[in-house]
Protein backbone atom coordinates (compact mmCIF):
# COMPACT_ATOMS: atom_id res chain seq x y z
CA UNK A 1 -1.20 14.03 6.39
CA UNK A 2 -0.61 16.36 9.29
CA UNK A 3 2.10 14.18 12.21
CA UNK A 4 2.51 16.32 15.24
CA UNK A 5 4.30 14.89 18.71
CA UNK A 6 1.99 17.02 20.84
CA UNK A 7 -1.74 16.13 21.34
CA UNK A 8 -3.81 18.29 19.48
CA UNK A 9 -3.55 20.91 16.42
CA UNK A 10 -3.72 24.58 16.94
CA UNK A 11 -6.31 25.69 14.90
CA UNK A 12 -8.25 22.75 14.11
CA UNK A 13 -10.29 20.23 16.30
CA UNK A 14 -10.55 16.43 16.37
CA UNK A 15 -13.97 14.59 14.61
CA UNK A 16 -13.39 11.28 15.00
CA UNK A 17 -10.93 9.10 16.83
CA UNK A 18 -10.02 6.45 14.36
CA UNK A 19 -7.02 4.97 16.81
CA UNK A 20 -3.90 3.91 17.42
CA UNK A 21 -1.43 3.70 14.48
CA UNK A 22 2.53 2.54 14.32
CA UNK A 23 5.59 1.51 12.55
CA UNK A 24 8.41 -0.36 12.56
CA UNK A 25 12.00 -1.43 11.17
CA UNK A 26 14.99 -3.12 11.60
CA UNK A 27 17.89 -2.45 10.65
CA UNK A 28 21.12 -3.79 10.45
CA UNK A 29 24.96 -2.74 11.11
CA UNK A 30 27.59 -3.69 7.78
CA UNK A 31 31.29 -4.09 8.43
CA UNK A 32 31.86 -0.73 7.11
CA UNK A 33 30.21 0.94 8.66
CA UNK A 34 31.56 -1.24 12.48
CA UNK A 35 35.34 -0.15 10.53
CA UNK A 36 34.29 3.46 10.50
CA UNK A 37 32.51 3.78 13.84
CA UNK A 38 35.70 1.52 15.38
CA UNK A 39 38.05 4.39 14.98
CA UNK A 40 35.47 7.35 15.68
CA UNK A 41 35.34 5.32 18.72
CA UNK A 42 38.80 5.88 19.44
CA UNK A 43 39.35 9.39 18.06
CA UNK A 44 35.73 10.71 18.96
CA UNK A 45 33.42 11.96 16.76
CA UNK A 46 29.86 11.75 15.19
CA UNK A 47 29.52 8.50 14.25
CA UNK A 48 27.92 9.87 10.74
CA UNK A 49 27.50 6.49 9.50
CA UNK A 50 25.24 5.35 11.79
CA UNK A 51 23.62 9.02 12.30
CA UNK A 52 22.01 8.64 9.02
CA UNK A 53 20.99 4.96 8.91
CA UNK A 54 19.05 5.55 12.34
CA UNK A 55 17.77 8.91 10.47
CA UNK A 56 16.63 6.33 7.41
CA UNK A 57 15.13 3.73 9.49
CA UNK A 58 12.96 6.69 11.05
CA UNK A 59 11.66 8.19 7.95
CA UNK A 60 10.52 4.46 7.13
CA UNK A 61 8.85 3.95 9.72
CA UNK A 62 6.54 7.50 9.69
CA UNK A 63 6.03 6.66 6.41
CA UNK A 64 4.42 2.72 7.56
CA UNK A 65 2.60 4.48 10.02
CA UNK A 66 1.16 7.17 7.47
CA UNK A 67 0.21 4.71 5.14
CA UNK A 68 -1.91 2.85 8.49
CA UNK A 69 -3.54 5.76 9.27
CA UNK A 70 -4.72 6.59 5.51
CA UNK A 71 -6.32 3.05 5.82
CA UNK A 72 -8.28 4.19 8.62
CA UNK A 73 -9.15 7.24 7.13
CA UNK A 74 -7.23 9.74 9.22
CA UNK A 75 -5.81 12.46 7.91
CA UNK A 76 -3.43 13.31 11.14
CA UNK A 77 -1.41 11.47 13.98
CA UNK A 78 -1.05 12.98 17.42
CA UNK A 79 1.23 12.29 20.56
CA UNK A 80 3.37 11.09 17.70
CA UNK A 81 6.45 8.71 19.59
CA UNK A 82 9.45 7.17 18.74
CA UNK A 83 11.33 4.22 20.13
CA UNK A 84 13.91 2.54 19.24
CA UNK A 85 16.10 -0.90 21.10
CA UNK A 86 18.60 -3.21 20.22
CA UNK A 87 17.07 -6.93 17.71
CA UNK A 88 20.13 -8.27 18.05
CA UNK A 89 23.94 -7.91 18.37
CA UNK A 90 23.69 -5.00 15.41
CA UNK A 91 21.10 -4.42 14.11
CA UNK A 92 17.82 -2.30 15.79
CA UNK A 93 14.21 -1.53 15.21
CA UNK A 94 12.71 1.73 15.19
CA UNK A 95 9.16 1.81 16.51
CA UNK A 96 6.65 5.06 15.24
CA UNK A 97 3.36 5.25 17.13
CA UNK A 98 0.55 7.67 17.51
CA UNK A 99 -3.24 8.28 17.00
CA UNK A 100 -5.18 8.51 13.95
CA UNK A 101 -7.85 11.01 13.93
CA UNK A 102 -9.39 12.94 11.68
CA UNK A 103 -9.13 16.47 11.91
CA UNK A 104 -11.22 20.14 10.64
CA UNK A 105 -10.90 23.75 11.07
CA UNK A 106 -11.96 24.96 14.09
CA UNK A 107 -15.42 27.62 13.81
CA UNK A 108 -14.93 30.64 15.40
């Protein structure tokens, strides 16, 4: 599966538009992450545990988006975007979406 944030894939042409696809996951913090984040917030620096948590969430959202695209018989997803939103105190949703297409090598 080819996944890109641009509208086209160089050297390929869109044979068929399959539809909009998306994937999401909601992740919650835990008290250990909160404790470490509180310390980092005081002294400064990257909150690596949260960075890791959001990275895992993005991977899961993309995986679910790909599953949806495969059901539509697409072999690529173009114009992929991500959104993150707070669901409730301590929980956030990561949402990935794009356009599922069937592509083939461009002639010429």
